[in-house]
Amino acid sequence: MKALRILAPVLIGAILGALMGYFGQCTSGTCPLTSTWWRGAIYGSVLGTLFALSSIRS
């Protein structure tokens, strides 16, 4: 159950980041978040991980 509390925000962040990277407006490749879908997914999963770890109570 604890793994689900960490894994769900990571997956949601990765999906949202990938969508933002895929449908982003940057076509020159200079925007670090929206230049490619996989880079957006990495940023989203990192933010999801930070969110999940910050919400865990000891």
PDB file of N, CA and C in Angstrom:
ATOM      1  N   MET A   1       0.819  -1.188   0.000  1.00  0.00           N
ATOM      2  CA  MET A   1       0.000   0.000   0.000  1.00  0.00           C
ATOM      3  C   MET A   1       0.867   1.258   0.000  1.00  0.00           C
ATOM      4  N   LYS A   2       1.994   1.192   0.719  1.00  0.00           N
ATOM      5  CA  LYS A   2       2.890   2.349   0.772  1.00  0.00           C
ATOM      6  C   LYS A   2       3.553   2.590  -0.582  1.00  0.00           C
ATOM      7  N   ALA A   3       3.832   1.516  -1.303  1.00  0.00           N
ATOM      8  CA  ALA A   3       4.433   1.664  -2.632  1.00  0.00           C
ATOM      9  C   ALA A   3       3.463   2.318  -3.606  1.00  0.00           C
ATOM     10  N   LEU A   4       2.177   2.055  -3.449  1.00  0.00           N
ATOM     11  CA  LEU A   4       1.164   2.664  -4.306  1.00  0.00           C
ATOM     12  C   LEU A   4       1.067   4.165  -4.052  1.00  0.00           C
ATOM     13  N   ARG A   5       1.249   4.572  -2.803  1.00  0.00           N
ATOM     14  CA  ARG A   5       1.224   5.994  -2.475  1.00  0.00           C
ATOM     15  C   ARG A   5       2.399   6.742  -3.092  1.00  0.00           C
ATOM     16  N   ILE A   6       3.478   6.068  -3.360  1.00  0.00           N
ATOM     17  CA  ILE A   6       4.634   6.691  -4.004  1.00  0.00           C
ATOM     18  C   ILE A   6       4.547   6.543  -5.516  1.00  0.00           C
ATOM     19  N   LEU A   7       4.113   5.391  -5.982  1.00  0.00           N
ATOM     20  CA  LEU A   7       4.106   5.108  -7.407  1.00  0.00           C
ATOM     21  C   LEU A   7       3.032   5.870  -8.175  1.00  0.00           C
ATOM     22  N   ALA A   8       1.867   6.069  -7.578  1.00  0.00           N
ATOM     23  CA  ALA A   8       0.772   6.748  -8.280  1.00  0.00           C
ATOM     24  C   ALA A   8       1.124   8.189  -8.666  1.00  0.00           C
ATOM     25  N   PRO A   9       1.641   9.033  -7.757  1.00  0.00           N
ATOM     26  CA  PRO A   9       2.016  10.388  -8.182  1.00  0.00           C
ATOM     27  C   PRO A   9       3.143  10.420  -9.201  1.00  0.00           C
ATOM     28  N   VAL A  10       4.045   9.451  -9.123  1.00  0.00           N
ATOM     29  CA  VAL A  10       5.138   9.387 -10.096  1.00  0.00           C
ATOM     30  C   VAL A  10       4.587   9.091 -11.482  1.00  0.00           C
ATOM     31  N   LEU A  11       3.684   8.129 -11.595  1.00  0.00           N
ATOM     32  CA  LEU A  11       3.096   7.789 -12.883  1.00  0.00           C
ATOM     33  C   LEU A  11       2.209   8.915 -13.419  1.00  0.00           C
ATOM     34  N   ILE A  12       1.435   9.524 -12.542  1.00  0.00           N
ATOM     35  CA  ILE A  12       0.586  10.642 -12.973  1.00  0.00           C
ATOM     36  C   ILE A  12       1.443  11.799 -13.461  1.00  0.00           C
ATOM     37  N   GLY A  13       2.505  12.100 -12.731  1.00  0.00           N
ATOM     38  CA  GLY A  13       3.414  13.168 -13.152  1.00  0.00           C
ATOM     39  C   GLY A  13       4.086  12.862 -14.475  1.00  0.00           C
ATOM     40  N   ALA A  14       4.467  11.605 -14.673  1.00  0.00           N
ATOM     41  CA  ALA A  14       5.105  11.225 -15.930  1.00  0.00           C
ATOM     42  C   ALA A  14       4.140  11.344 -17.101  1.00  0.00           C
ATOM     43  N   ILE A  15       2.914  10.939 -16.896  1.00  0.00           N
ATOM     44  CA  ILE A  15       1.914  11.032 -17.968  1.00  0.00           C
ATOM     45  C   ILE A  15       1.610  12.481 -18.302  1.00  0.00           C
ATOM     46  N   LEU A  16       1.399  13.295 -17.272  1.00  0.00           N
ATOM     47  CA  LEU A  16       1.111  14.713 -17.520  1.00  0.00           C
ATOM     48  C   LEU A  16       2.306  15.426 -18.158  1.00  0.00           C
ATOM     49  N   GLY A  17       3.505  15.087 -17.711  1.00  0.00           N
ATOM     50  CA  GLY A  17       4.703  15.690 -18.306  1.00  0.00           C
ATOM     51  C   GLY A  17       4.890  15.274 -19.752  1.00  0.00           C
ATOM     52  N   ALA A  18       4.602  14.015 -20.059  1.00  0.00           N
ATOM     53  CA  ALA A  18       4.721  13.548 -21.438  1.00  0.00           C
ATOM     54  C   ALA A  18       3.698  14.228 -22.340  1.00  0.00           C
ATOM     55  N   LEU A  19       2.487  14.388 -21.825  1.00  0.00           N
ATOM     56  CA  LEU A  19       1.468  15.094 -22.609  1.00  0.00           C
ATOM     57  C   LEU A  19       1.857  16.549 -22.841  1.00  0.00           C
ATOM     58  N   MET A  20       2.392  17.170 -21.810  1.00  0.00           N
ATOM     59  CA  MET A  20       2.821  18.557 -21.969  1.00  0.00           C
ATOM     60  C   MET A  20       3.997  18.660 -22.938  1.00  0.00           C
ATOM     61  N   GLY A  21       4.890  17.709 -22.896  1.00  0.00           N
ATOM     62  CA  GLY A  21       6.008  17.709 -23.833  1.00  0.00           C
ATOM     63  C   GLY A  21       5.573  17.410 -25.259  1.00  0.00           C
ATOM     64  N   TYR A  22       4.583  16.545 -25.398  1.00  0.00           N
ATOM     65  CA  TYR A  22       4.116  16.186 -26.737  1.00  0.00           C
ATOM     66  C   TYR A  22       3.302  17.307 -27.374  1.00  0.00           C
ATOM     67  N   PHE A  23       2.425  17.917 -26.599  1.00  0.00           N
ATOM     68  CA  PHE A  23       1.567  18.971 -27.126  1.00  0.00           C
ATOM     69  C   PHE A  23       2.119  20.372 -26.868  1.00  0.00           C
ATOM     70  N   GLY A  24       3.358  20.461 -26.395  1.00  0.00           N
ATOM     71  CA  GLY A  24       3.965  21.760 -26.107  1.00  0.00           C
ATOM     72  C   GLY A  24       4.214  22.561 -27.373  1.00  0.00           C
ATOM     73  N   GLN A  25       4.449  23.833 -27.229  1.00  0.00           N
ATOM     74  CA  GLN A  25       4.583  24.730 -28.363  1.00  0.00           C
ATOM     75  C   GLN A  25       6.030  24.935 -28.803  1.00  0.00           C
ATOM     76  N   CYS A  26       7.000  24.383 -28.123  1.00  0.00           N
ATOM     77  CA  CYS A  26       8.402  24.603 -28.463  1.00  0.00           C
ATOM     78  C   CYS A  26       8.840  23.635 -29.561  1.00  0.00           C
ATOM     79  N   THR A  27       9.184  24.162 -30.708  1.00  0.00           N
ATOM     80  CA  THR A  27       9.641  23.309 -31.806  1.00  0.00           C
ATOM     81  C   THR A  27      11.129  23.471 -32.073  1.00  0.00           C
ATOM     82  N   SER A  28      11.760  24.447 -31.447  1.00  0.00           N
ATOM     83  CA  SER A  28      13.185  24.667 -31.700  1.00  0.00           C
ATOM     84  C   SER A  28      14.065  23.740 -30.879  1.00  0.00           C
ATOM     85  N   GLY A  29      13.532  23.156 -29.827  1.00  0.00           N
ATOM     86  CA  GLY A  29      14.319  22.268 -28.981  1.00  0.00           C
ATOM     87  C   GLY A  29      15.038  22.979 -27.855  1.00  0.00           C
ATOM     88  N   THR A  30      14.823  24.269 -27.693  1.00  0.00           N
ATOM     89  CA  THR A  30      15.520  25.008 -26.650  1.00  0.00           C
ATOM     90  C   THR A  30      14.750  25.051 -25.339  1.00  0.00           C
ATOM     91  N   CYS A  31      13.482  24.714 -25.370  1.00  0.00           N
ATOM     92  CA  CYS A  31      12.685  24.696 -24.137  1.00  0.00           C
ATOM     93  C   CYS A  31      12.948  23.366 -23.434  1.00  0.00           C
ATOM     94  N   PRO A  32      13.476  23.371 -22.226  1.00  0.00           N
ATOM     95  CA  PRO A  32      13.841  22.104 -21.597  1.00  0.00           C
ATOM     96  C   PRO A  32      12.655  21.223 -21.229  1.00  0.00           C
ATOM     97  N   LEU A  33      11.500  21.808 -20.982  1.00  0.00           N
ATOM     98  CA  LEU A  33      10.358  21.003 -20.549  1.00  0.00           C
ATOM     99  C   LEU A  33       9.534  20.485 -21.715  1.00  0.00           C
ATOM    100  N   THR A  34       9.345  21.279 -22.740  1.00  0.00           N
ATOM    101  CA  THR A  34       8.422  20.896 -23.805  1.00  0.00           C
ATOM    102  C   THR A  34       9.104  20.591 -25.133  1.00  0.00           C
ATOM    103  N   SER A  35      10.402  20.372 -25.138  1.00  0.00           N
ATOM    104  CA  SER A  35      11.057  20.097 -26.412  1.00  0.00           C
ATOM    105  C   SER A  35      10.767  18.678 -26.911  1.00  0.00           C
ATOM    106  N   THR A  36      10.720  17.702 -26.018  1.00  0.00           N
ATOM    107  CA  THR A  36      10.373  16.323 -26.387  1.00  0.00           C
ATOM    108  C   THR A  36       9.440  15.733 -25.336  1.00  0.00           C
ATOM    109  N   TRP A  37       8.687  14.721 -25.716  1.00  0.00           N
ATOM    110  CA  TRP A  37       7.730  14.122 -24.788  1.00  0.00           C
ATOM    111  C   TRP A  37       8.426  13.371 -23.667  1.00  0.00           C
ATOM    112  N   TRP A  38       9.550  12.710 -23.969  1.00  0.00           N
ATOM    113  CA  TRP A  38      10.212  11.922 -22.935  1.00  0.00           C
ATOM    114  C   TRP A  38      10.895  12.811 -21.905  1.00  0.00           C
ATOM    115  N   ARG A  39      11.380  13.968 -22.318  1.00  0.00           N
ATOM    116  CA  ARG A  39      11.977  14.886 -21.353  1.00  0.00           C
ATOM    117  C   ARG A  39      10.890  15.461 -20.434  1.00  0.00           C
ATOM    118  N   GLY A  40       9.725  15.736 -20.992  1.00  0.00           N
ATOM    119  CA  GLY A  40       8.600  16.163 -20.165  1.00  0.00           C
ATOM    120  C   GLY A  40       8.178  15.084 -19.182  1.00  0.00           C
ATOM    121  N   ALA A  41       8.228  13.835 -19.620  1.00  0.00           N
ATOM    122  CA  ALA A  41       7.882  12.722 -18.738  1.00  0.00           C
ATOM    123  C   ALA A  41       8.883  12.597 -17.588  1.00  0.00           C
ATOM    124  N   ILE A  42      10.146  12.829 -17.869  1.00  0.00           N
ATOM    125  CA  ILE A  42      11.164  12.770 -16.813  1.00  0.00           C
ATOM    126  C   ILE A  42      10.927  13.882 -15.799  1.00  0.00           C
ATOM    127  N   TYR A  43      10.714  15.098 -16.283  1.00  0.00           N
ATOM    128  CA  TYR A  43      10.441  16.207 -15.365  1.00  0.00           C
ATOM    129  C   TYR A  43       9.175  15.945 -14.550  1.00  0.00           C
ATOM    130  N   GLY A  44       8.141  15.444 -15.186  1.00  0.00           N
ATOM    131  CA  GLY A  44       6.898  15.156 -14.480  1.00  0.00           C
ATOM    132  C   GLY A  44       7.060  14.076 -13.430  1.00  0.00           C
ATOM    133  N   SER A  45       7.818  13.044 -13.734  1.00  0.00           N
ATOM    134  CA  SER A  45       8.010  11.975 -12.755  1.00  0.00           C
ATOM    135  C   SER A  45       8.861  12.443 -11.579  1.00  0.00           C
ATOM    136  N   VAL A  46       9.823  13.311 -11.839  1.00  0.00           N
ATOM    137  CA  VAL A  46      10.619  13.865 -10.734  1.00  0.00           C
ATOM    138  C   VAL A  46       9.730  14.716  -9.827  1.00  0.00           C
ATOM    139  N   LEU A  47       8.891  15.548 -10.424  1.00  0.00           N
ATOM    140  CA  LEU A  47       7.987  16.357  -9.613  1.00  0.00           C
ATOM    141  C   LEU A  47       6.977  15.483  -8.865  1.00  0.00           C
ATOM    142  N   GLY A  48       6.507  14.418  -9.502  1.00  0.00           N
ATOM    143  CA  GLY A  48       5.608  13.484  -8.829  1.00  0.00           C
ATOM    144  C   GLY A  48       6.288  12.780  -7.666  1.00  0.00           C
ATOM    145  N   THR A  49       7.549  12.432  -7.842  1.00  0.00           N
ATOM    146  CA  THR A  49       8.309  11.804  -6.761  1.00  0.00           C
ATOM    147  C   THR A  49       8.477  12.757  -5.585  1.00  0.00           C
ATOM    148  N   LEU A  50       8.827  14.007  -5.895  1.00  0.00           N
ATOM    149  CA  LEU A  50       8.971  15.003  -4.823  1.00  0.00           C
ATOM    150  C   LEU A  50       7.659  15.217  -4.089  1.00  0.00           C
ATOM    151  N   PHE A  51       6.566  15.278  -4.829  1.00  0.00           N
ATOM    152  CA  PHE A  51       5.257  15.428  -4.206  1.00  0.00           C
ATOM    153  C   PHE A  51       4.927  14.225  -3.330  1.00  0.00           C
ATOM    154  N   ALA A  52       5.199  13.033  -3.819  1.00  0.00           N
ATOM    155  CA  ALA A  52       4.877  11.830  -3.062  1.00  0.00           C
ATOM    156  C   ALA A  52       5.723  11.732  -1.791  1.00  0.00           C
ATOM    157  N   LEU A  53       7.001  12.044  -1.908  1.00  0.00           N
ATOM    158  CA  LEU A  53       7.868  11.949  -0.739  1.00  0.00           C
ATOM    159  C   LEU A  53       7.587  13.046   0.279  1.00  0.00           C
ATOM    160  N   SER A  54       7.129  14.193  -0.178  1.00  0.00           N
ATOM    161  CA  SER A  54       6.826  15.269   0.766  1.00  0.00           C
ATOM    162  C   SER A  54       5.517  15.029   1.508  1.00  0.00           C
ATOM    163  N   SER A  55       4.648  14.200   0.956  1.00  0.00           N
ATOM    164  CA  SER A  55       3.359  13.957   1.604  1.00  0.00           C
ATOM    165  C   SER A  55       3.363  12.718   2.507  1.00  0.00           C
ATOM    166  N   ILE A  56       4.463  11.991   2.556  1.00  0.00           N
ATOM    167  CA  ILE A  56       4.550  10.803   3.415  1.00  0.00           C
ATOM    168  C   ILE A  56       4.795  11.254   4.856  1.00  0.00           C
ATOM    169  N   ARG A  57       3.998  10.721   5.746  1.00  0.00           N
ATOM    170  CA  ARG A  57       4.166  11.033   7.165  1.00  0.00           C
ATOM    171  C   ARG A  57       4.859   9.873   7.842  1.00  0.00           C
ATOM    172  N   SER A  58       5.703  10.189   8.753  1.00  0.00           N
ATOM    173  CA  SER A  58       6.466   9.148   9.472  1.00  0.00           C
ATOM    174  C   SER A  58       5.619   8.379  10.432  1.00  0.00           C
TER     175      SER A  58
END
